PDB file of N, CA and C in Angstrom:
ATOM      1  N   UNK A   1       4.586  79.983  10.777  1.00  0.00           N
ATOM      2  CA  UNK A   1       5.948  80.235  10.041  1.00  0.00           C
ATOM      3  C   UNK A   1       6.273  79.911   8.405  1.00  0.00           C
ATOM      4  N   UNK A   2       6.438  80.631   7.757  1.00  0.00           N
ATOM      5  CA  UNK A   2       6.506  80.067   6.261  1.00  0.00           C
ATOM      6  C   UNK A   2       7.731  79.173   6.014  1.00  0.00           C
ATOM      7  N   UNK A   3       7.559  77.639   5.316  1.00  0.00           N
ATOM      8  CA  UNK A   3       8.154  76.880   4.973  1.00  0.00           C
ATOM      9  C   UNK A   3       8.857  77.589   3.567  1.00  0.00           C
ATOM     10  N   UNK A   4      10.104  77.631   3.528  1.00  0.00           N
ATOM     11  CA  UNK A   4      10.737  78.055   2.326  1.00  0.00           C
ATOM     12  C   UNK A   4      12.114  77.627   2.393  1.00  0.00           C
ATOM     13  N   UNK A   5      11.987  76.055   2.734  1.00  0.00           N
ATOM     14  CA  UNK A   5      13.666  75.277   2.616  1.00  0.00           C
ATOM     15  C   UNK A   5      13.450  73.805   2.192  1.00  0.00           C
ATOM     16  N   UNK A   6      14.245  72.995   1.405  1.00  0.00           N
ATOM     17  CA  UNK A   6      13.945  71.693   1.393  1.00  0.00           C
ATOM     18  C   UNK A   6      14.967  71.208   1.654  1.00  0.00           C
ATOM     19  N   UNK A   7      14.682  70.177   2.690  1.00  0.00           N
ATOM     20  CA  UNK A   7      15.573  69.042   2.913  1.00  0.00           C
ATOM     21  C   UNK A   7      15.428  67.745   2.613  1.00  0.00           C
ATOM     22  N   UNK A   8      16.287  67.141   2.115  1.00  0.00           N
ATOM     23  CA  UNK A   8      16.034  65.584   1.296  1.00  0.00           C
ATOM     24  C   UNK A   8      17.100  64.761   2.409  1.00  0.00           C
ATOM     25  N   UNK A   9      16.753  63.872   2.547  1.00  0.00           N
ATOM     26  CA  UNK A   9      17.354  62.473   3.500  1.00  0.00           C
ATOM     27  C   UNK A   9      16.927  60.886   3.576  1.00  0.00           C
ATOM     28  N   UNK A  10      17.461  60.351   3.615  1.00  0.00           N
ATOM     29  CA  UNK A  10      17.541  58.966   3.697  1.00  0.00           C
ATOM     30  C   UNK A  10      17.091  58.499   4.909  1.00  0.00           C
ATOM     31  N   UNK A  11      16.330  57.523   5.252  1.00  0.00           N
ATOM     32  CA  UNK A  11      16.139  56.912   6.397  1.00  0.00           C
ATOM     33  C   UNK A  11      15.907  55.226   6.381  1.00  0.00           C
ATOM     34  N   UNK A  12      15.307  54.613   7.142  1.00  0.00           N
ATOM     35  CA  UNK A  12      15.694  53.050   6.943  1.00  0.00           C
ATOM     36  C   UNK A  12      13.914  52.836   6.720  1.00  0.00           C
ATOM     37  N   UNK A  13      13.910  51.485   6.267  1.00  0.00           N
ATOM     38  CA  UNK A  13      12.280  51.387   5.638  1.00  0.00           C
ATOM     39  C   UNK A  13      11.302  51.301   7.303  1.00  0.00           C
ATOM     40  N   UNK A  14      12.251  50.605   8.306  1.00  0.00           N
ATOM     41  CA  UNK A  14      11.189  50.573   9.687  1.00  0.00           C
ATOM     42  C   UNK A  14      11.121  51.835  10.281  1.00  0.00           C
ATOM     43  N   UNK A  15      11.985  52.926   9.867  1.00  0.00           N
ATOM     44  CA  UNK A  15      11.457  54.398  10.177  1.00  0.00           C
ATOM     45  C   UNK A  15      10.798  55.094   9.711  1.00  0.00           C
ATOM     46  N   UNK A  16      10.752  54.729   8.184  1.00  0.00           N
ATOM     47  CA  UNK A  16       9.685  55.104   7.120  1.00  0.00           C
ATOM     48  C   UNK A  16       8.567  54.703   7.097  1.00  0.00           C
ATOM     49  N   UNK A  17       8.309  53.667   7.488  1.00  0.00           N
ATOM     50  CA  UNK A  17       6.555  52.725   7.959  1.00  0.00           C
ATOM     51  C   UNK A  17       5.940  53.136   9.207  1.00  0.00           C
ATOM     52  N   UNK A  18       6.745  53.777  10.280  1.00  0.00           N
ATOM     53  CA  UNK A  18       6.674  54.004  11.698  1.00  0.00           C
ATOM     54  C   UNK A  18       6.375  55.580  11.328  1.00  0.00           C
ATOM     55  N   UNK A  19       6.690  56.554  10.597  1.00  0.00           N
ATOM     56  CA  UNK A  19       6.234  57.873  10.334  1.00  0.00           C
ATOM     57  C   UNK A  19       5.207  57.920   9.875  1.00  0.00           C
ATOM     58  N   UNK A  20       5.123  56.828   8.412  1.00  0.00           N
ATOM     59  CA  UNK A  20       3.708  56.641   7.679  1.00  0.00           C
ATOM     60  C   UNK A  20       2.876  56.327   8.685  1.00  0.00           C
ATOM     61  N   UNK A  21       2.551  55.303   9.746  1.00  0.00           N
ATOM     62  CA  UNK A  21       1.663  55.027  10.458  1.00  0.00           C
ATOM     63  C   UNK A  21       1.256  56.274  11.220  1.00  0.00           C
ATOM     64  N   UNK A  22       2.431  56.360  11.832  1.00  0.00           N
ATOM     65  CA  UNK A  22       1.522  57.800  12.450  1.00  0.00           C
ATOM     66  C   UNK A  22       1.274  59.242  11.924  1.00  0.00           C
ATOM     67  N   UNK A  23       1.934  59.042  10.523  1.00  0.00           N
ATOM     68  CA  UNK A  23       0.583  60.492   9.797  1.00  0.00           C
ATOM     69  C   UNK A  23      -0.671  60.047   9.644  1.00  0.00           C
ATOM     70  N   UNK A  24      -0.809  58.880   9.340  1.00  0.00           N
ATOM     71  CA  UNK A  24      -2.457  58.469   9.119  1.00  0.00           C
ATOM     72  C   UNK A  24      -3.252  58.599  10.372  1.00  0.00           C
ATOM     73  N   UNK A  25      -2.643  57.828  11.232  1.00  0.00           N
ATOM     74  CA  UNK A  25      -3.335  57.781  12.536  1.00  0.00           C
ATOM     75  C   UNK A  25      -3.661  59.505  12.653  1.00  0.00           C
ATOM     76  N   UNK A  26      -2.754  60.156  12.782  1.00  0.00           N
ATOM     77  CA  UNK A  26      -3.293  61.644  13.173  1.00  0.00           C
ATOM     78  C   UNK A  26      -4.049  62.557  11.916  1.00  0.00           C
ATOM     79  N   UNK A  27      -3.679  61.537  11.198  1.00  0.00           N
ATOM     80  CA  UNK A  27      -4.395  62.399   9.884  1.00  0.00           C
ATOM     81  C   UNK A  27      -3.459  63.498   9.253  1.00  0.00           C
ATOM     82  N   UNK A  28      -2.701  63.064   8.876  1.00  0.00           N
ATOM     83  CA  UNK A  28      -1.742  64.485   8.568  1.00  0.00           C
ATOM     84  C   UNK A  28      -0.790  64.062   7.534  1.00  0.00           C
ATOM     85  N   UNK A  29       0.111  64.897   6.802  1.00  0.00           N
ATOM     86  CA  UNK A  29       0.778  64.136   6.027  1.00  0.00           C
ATOM     87  C   UNK A  29       2.167  63.837   6.537  1.00  0.00           C
ATOM     88  N   UNK A  30       3.021  63.349   5.935  1.00  0.00           N
ATOM     89  CA  UNK A  30       4.501  62.530   6.138  1.00  0.00           C
ATOM     90  C   UNK A  30       5.132  63.222   6.372  1.00  0.00           C
ATOM     91  N   UNK A  31       5.105  64.780   5.615  1.00  0.00           N
ATOM     92  CA  UNK A  31       6.319  65.832   5.991  1.00  0.00           C
ATOM     93  C   UNK A  31       5.391  66.901   7.058  1.00  0.00           C
ATOM     94  N   UNK A  32       4.061  66.589   7.243  1.00  0.00           N
ATOM     95  CA  UNK A  32       4.036  67.419   8.660  1.00  0.00           C
ATOM     96  C   UNK A  32       4.656  66.657   9.836  1.00  0.00           C
ATOM     97  N   UNK A  33       4.402  65.325  10.095  1.00  0.00           N
ATOM     98  CA  UNK A  33       4.972  64.649  11.195  1.00  0.00           C
ATOM     99  C   UNK A  33       6.280  64.882  11.198  1.00  0.00           C
ATOM    100  N   UNK A  34       7.066  64.879   9.986  1.00  0.00           N
ATOM    101  CA  UNK A  34       8.860  64.899  10.373  1.00  0.00           C
ATOM    102  C   UNK A  34       8.686  66.406  10.961  1.00  0.00           C
ATOM    103  N   UNK A  35       8.236  67.567  10.009  1.00  0.00           N
ATOM    104  CA  UNK A  35       8.297  68.652  10.561  1.00  0.00           C
ATOM    105  C   UNK A  35       8.039  69.073  12.114  1.00  0.00           C
ATOM    106  N   UNK A  36       6.971  68.769  12.812  1.00  0.00           N
ATOM    107  CA  UNK A  36       6.836  68.471  13.898  1.00  0.00           C
ATOM    108  C   UNK A  36       7.698  67.721  14.731  1.00  0.00           C
ATOM    109  N   UNK A  37       8.239  66.594  14.568  1.00  0.00           N
ATOM    110  CA  UNK A  37       9.230  65.637  15.465  1.00  0.00           C
ATOM    111  C   UNK A  37      10.572  66.642  15.223  1.00  0.00           C
ATOM    112  N   UNK A  38      11.137  67.043  14.314  1.00  0.00           N
ATOM    113  CA  UNK A  38      12.343  67.931  14.020  1.00  0.00           C
ATOM    114  C   UNK A  38      12.033  69.042  15.064  1.00  0.00           C
ATOM    115  N   UNK A  39      10.916  69.687  15.004  1.00  0.00           N
ATOM    116  CA  UNK A  39      10.730  70.834  15.386  1.00  0.00           C
ATOM    117  C   UNK A  39      10.783  70.709  17.213  1.00  0.00           C
ATOM    118  N   UNK A  40      10.077  69.646  17.623  1.00  0.00           N
ATOM    119  CA  UNK A  40      10.288  69.447  18.996  1.00  0.00           C
ATOM    120  C   UNK A  40      11.593  69.154  19.440  1.00  0.00           C
ATOM    121  N   UNK A  41      12.461  68.423  18.536  1.00  0.00           N
ATOM    122  CA  UNK A  41      13.695  67.696  18.990  1.00  0.00           C
ATOM    123  C   UNK A  41      14.508  69.007  18.914  1.00  0.00           C
ATOM    124  N   UNK A  42      14.323  69.877  18.256  1.00  0.00           N
ATOM    125  CA  UNK A  42      14.968  71.246  18.555  1.00  0.00           C
ATOM    126  C   UNK A  42      15.019  72.155  19.298  1.00  0.00           C
ATOM    127  N   UNK A  43      13.640  71.877  19.417  1.00  0.00           N
ATOM    128  CA  UNK A  43      12.927  72.915  20.588  1.00  0.00           C
ATOM    129  C   UNK A  43      13.459  72.323  22.081  1.00  0.00           C
ATOM    130  N   UNK A  44      13.292  71.448  22.359  1.00  0.00           N
ATOM    131  CA  UNK A  44      13.454  70.945  23.420  1.00  0.00           C
ATOM    132  C   UNK A  44      14.944  70.989  23.801  1.00  0.00           C
ATOM    133  N   UNK A  45      16.069  71.523  22.851  1.00  0.00           N
ATOM    134  CA  UNK A  45      17.484  71.456  23.226  1.00  0.00           C
ATOM    135  C   UNK A  45      17.518  73.286  23.066  1.00  0.00           C
ATOM    136  N   UNK A  46      16.595  73.816  22.938  1.00  0.00           N
ATOM    137  CA  UNK A  46      16.575  75.491  22.998  1.00  0.00           C
ATOM    138  C   UNK A  46      17.445  75.778  21.918  1.00  0.00           C
ATOM    139  N   UNK A  47      17.276  75.290  20.919  1.00  0.00           N
ATOM    140  CA  UNK A  47      18.780  76.100  20.297  1.00  0.00           C
ATOM    141  C   UNK A  47      17.940  76.464  18.789  1.00  0.00           C
ATOM    142  N   UNK A  48      16.454  76.509  18.771  1.00  0.00           N
ATOM    143  CA  UNK A  48      15.596  77.453  18.201  1.00  0.00           C
ATOM    144  C   UNK A  48      14.844  78.201  18.264  1.00  0.00           C
ATOM    145  N   UNK A  49      15.054  79.545  17.803  1.00  0.00           N
ATOM    146  CA  UNK A  49      14.685  80.687  18.412  1.00  0.00           C
ATOM    147  C   UNK A  49      13.375  80.831  17.431  1.00  0.00           C
ATOM    148  N   UNK A  50      13.416  80.055  16.379  1.00  0.00           N
ATOM    149  CA  UNK A  50      12.196  80.882  15.411  1.00  0.00           C
ATOM    150  C   UNK A  50      10.845  80.674  16.003  1.00  0.00           C
ATOM    151  N   UNK A  51      10.716  79.489  17.262  1.00  0.00           N
ATOM    152  CA  UNK A  51       9.421  79.557  17.824  1.00  0.00           C
ATOM    153  C   UNK A  51       8.670  80.452  18.809  1.00  0.00           C
ATOM    154  N   UNK A  52       9.537  81.691  18.785  1.00  0.00           N
ATOM    155  CA  UNK A  52       8.837  82.256  19.910  1.00  0.00           C
ATOM    156  C   UNK A  52       7.939  83.268  19.693  1.00  0.00           C
ATOM    157  N   UNK A  53       7.932  83.358  18.306  1.00  0.00           N
ATOM    158  CA  UNK A  53       6.506  83.824  17.773  1.00  0.00           C
ATOM    159  C   UNK A  53       5.705  82.654  17.190  1.00  0.00           C
ATOM    160  N   UNK A  54       4.242  83.888  17.594  1.00  0.00           N
ATOM    161  CA  UNK A  54       3.361  83.037  17.077  1.00  0.00           C
ATOM    162  C   UNK A  54       3.264  82.522  15.848  1.00  0.00           C
ATOM    163  N   UNK A  55       3.191  80.872  15.488  1.00  0.00           N
ATOM    164  CA  UNK A  55       3.208  80.672  14.154  1.00  0.00           C
ATOM    165  C   UNK A  55       2.334  80.919  13.074  1.00  0.00           C
ATOM    166  N   UNK A  56       0.466  81.485  13.864  1.00  0.00           N
ATOM    167  CA  UNK A  56      -0.748  81.306  13.221  1.00  0.00           C
ATOM    168  C   UNK A  56       0.014  82.968  12.607  1.00  0.00           C
ATOM    169  N   UNK A  57      -1.073  83.354  10.998  1.00  0.00           N
ATOM    170  CA  UNK A  57      -0.588  84.459  10.511  1.00  0.00           C
ATOM    171  C   UNK A  57      -1.727  85.453  11.503  1.00  0.00           C
ATOM    172  N   UNK A  58      -2.960  85.098  12.074  1.00  0.00           N
ATOM    173  CA  UNK A  58      -3.116  85.858  13.541  1.00  0.00           C
ATOM    174  C   UNK A  58      -3.327  85.452  14.465  1.00  0.00           C
ATOM    175  N   UNK A  59      -2.772  85.764  15.850  1.00  0.00           N
ATOM    176  CA  UNK A  59      -2.802  85.230  16.796  1.00  0.00           C
ATOM    177  C   UNK A  59      -4.708  84.927  17.200  1.00  0.00           C
ATOM    178  N   UNK A  60      -4.870  84.289  18.131  1.00  0.00           N
ATOM    179  CA  UNK A  60      -6.331  83.362  18.823  1.00  0.00           C
ATOM    180  C   UNK A  60      -6.936  84.464  19.441  1.00  0.00           C
ATOM    181  N   UNK A  61      -8.052  84.389  19.259  1.00  0.00           N
ATOM    182  CA  UNK A  61      -8.639  85.883  20.308  1.00  0.00           C
ATOM    183  C   UNK A  61      -9.093  85.277  21.428  1.00  0.00           C
ATOM    184  N   UNK A  62      -9.218  85.123  22.738  1.00  0.00           N
ATOM    185  CA  UNK A  62      -9.579  84.800  23.330  1.00  0.00           C
ATOM    186  C   UNK A  62     -11.345  85.238  23.722  1.00  0.00           C
ATOM    187  N   UNK A  63     -12.154  84.231  24.227  1.00  0.00           N
ATOM    188  CA  UNK A  63     -13.341  84.712  24.440  1.00  0.00           C
ATOM    189  C   UNK A  63     -14.289  84.005  25.508  1.00  0.00           C
ATOM    190  N   UNK A  64     -14.842  84.025  26.126  1.00  0.00           N
ATOM    191  CA  UNK A  64     -15.538  83.611  27.384  1.00  0.00           C
ATOM    192  C   UNK A  64     -17.155  83.515  26.471  1.00  0.00           C
ATOM    193  N   UNK A  65     -17.349  81.834  26.879  1.00  0.00           N
ATOM    194  CA  UNK A  65     -18.710  81.757  26.528  1.00  0.00           C
ATOM    195  C   UNK A  65     -19.326  80.972  28.270  1.00  0.00           C
ATOM    196  N   UNK A  66     -20.745  81.488  27.785  1.00  0.00           N
ATOM    197  CA  UNK A  66     -21.133  80.926  29.385  1.00  0.00           C
ATOM    198  C   UNK A  66     -21.872  79.566  28.847  1.00  0.00           C
ATOM    199  N   UNK A  67     -21.893  78.544  30.177  1.00  0.00           N
ATOM    200  CA  UNK A  67     -22.277  77.392  29.928  1.00  0.00           C
ATOM    201  C   UNK A  67     -22.850  77.148  30.521  1.00  0.00           C
ATOM    202  N   UNK A  68     -23.970  75.988  30.520  1.00  0.00           N
ATOM    203  CA  UNK A  68     -25.419  75.595  31.312  1.00  0.00           C
ATOM    204  C   UNK A  68     -25.074  74.515  31.227  1.00  0.00           C
ATOM    205  N   UNK A  69     -25.302  73.918  32.870  1.00  0.00           N
ATOM    206  CA  UNK A  69     -25.200  72.658  33.151  1.00  0.00           C
ATOM    207  C   UNK A  69     -26.176  72.073  33.496  1.00  0.00           C
ATOM    208  N   UNK A  70     -27.005  71.007  32.959  1.00  0.00           N
ATOM    209  CA  UNK A  70     -28.088  70.700  33.335  1.00  0.00           C
ATOM    210  C   UNK A  70     -28.119  69.303  33.791  1.00  0.00           C
ATOM    211  N   UNK A  71     -28.836  69.062  35.054  1.00  0.00           N
ATOM    212  CA  UNK A  71     -28.795  67.754  35.558  1.00  0.00           C
ATOM    213  C   UNK A  71     -30.274  66.855  35.281  1.00  0.00           C
ATOM    214  N   UNK A  72     -29.821  65.471  34.328  1.00  0.00           N
ATOM    215  CA  UNK A  72     -31.076  64.974  34.383  1.00  0.00           C
ATOM    216  C   UNK A  72     -31.710  64.162  35.294  1.00  0.00           C
ATOM    217  N   UNK A  73     -32.863  64.101  35.724  1.00  0.00           N
ATOM    218  CA  UNK A  73     -33.744  63.504  36.730  1.00  0.00           C
ATOM    219  C   UNK A  73     -33.391  61.825  36.632  1.00  0.00           C
ATOM    220  N   UNK A  74     -33.394  61.084  37.473  1.00  0.00           N
ATOM    221  CA  UNK A  74     -32.896  59.765  37.196  1.00  0.00           C
ATOM    222  C   UNK A  74     -34.463  59.193  37.945  1.00  0.00           C
TER     223      UNK A  74
END
């Protein structure tokens, strides 16, 4: 989904530090974490109709991959 809007707001230092720690742990930007948190919040309340479509530019393709499982002799 294209991000074409800017929102600016203030938060407590504790909340900011918590979000920064989460972002570092998940190797994401702070902006990305805030976007995920807000999207999950609104989606949980079924008020956000923007997520009904695939967010990717191209949808994932299903694939079948054969798997070989081999046991090692003990």
